[in-house]
Amino acid sequence: MHDWVQKLLALRRQYPALQDGTMQMLTAEKDELAFLRVLGGRQERRSSRILVVVNRSAQPATVRLQMDGTALQGAKQAKTLLGDAQGQFENNELRVQMPAVSAWIAAVE
């Protein structure tokens, strides 16, 4: 647990969106939670988007996130910062393959 918290604190220091960014909730289901932290506007060159996805279930899950009308719109890839999930962008949707009881943090570009 100590190592996990240390990694989270290091990410917070490294990515300003986790310090000062706004938060956009993407989904909050029974065992799934996903939100974005966004710093800067879409037109700004230095905008930063950090995605957090959580699966509380004891079973693996596919979390489907619609991109239209969200800060995910226009995203092409996600770089894993922490966790073992895999994200795939297709048809204005991000599908995240989540292991059981897990969290995934990714920088979205």
Foldseek 3Di string as FASTA:
>chain_A
DVVVVVLVVVVCVVDVLNVDFDKDWFDDDDFKTKIWRWDDDPPDPPIWIKIKIWGAAQAKDKDKGAQPPDPNPPWDDWAWSDWDWDWDDDDRIIIITGGHGIMTMTITD
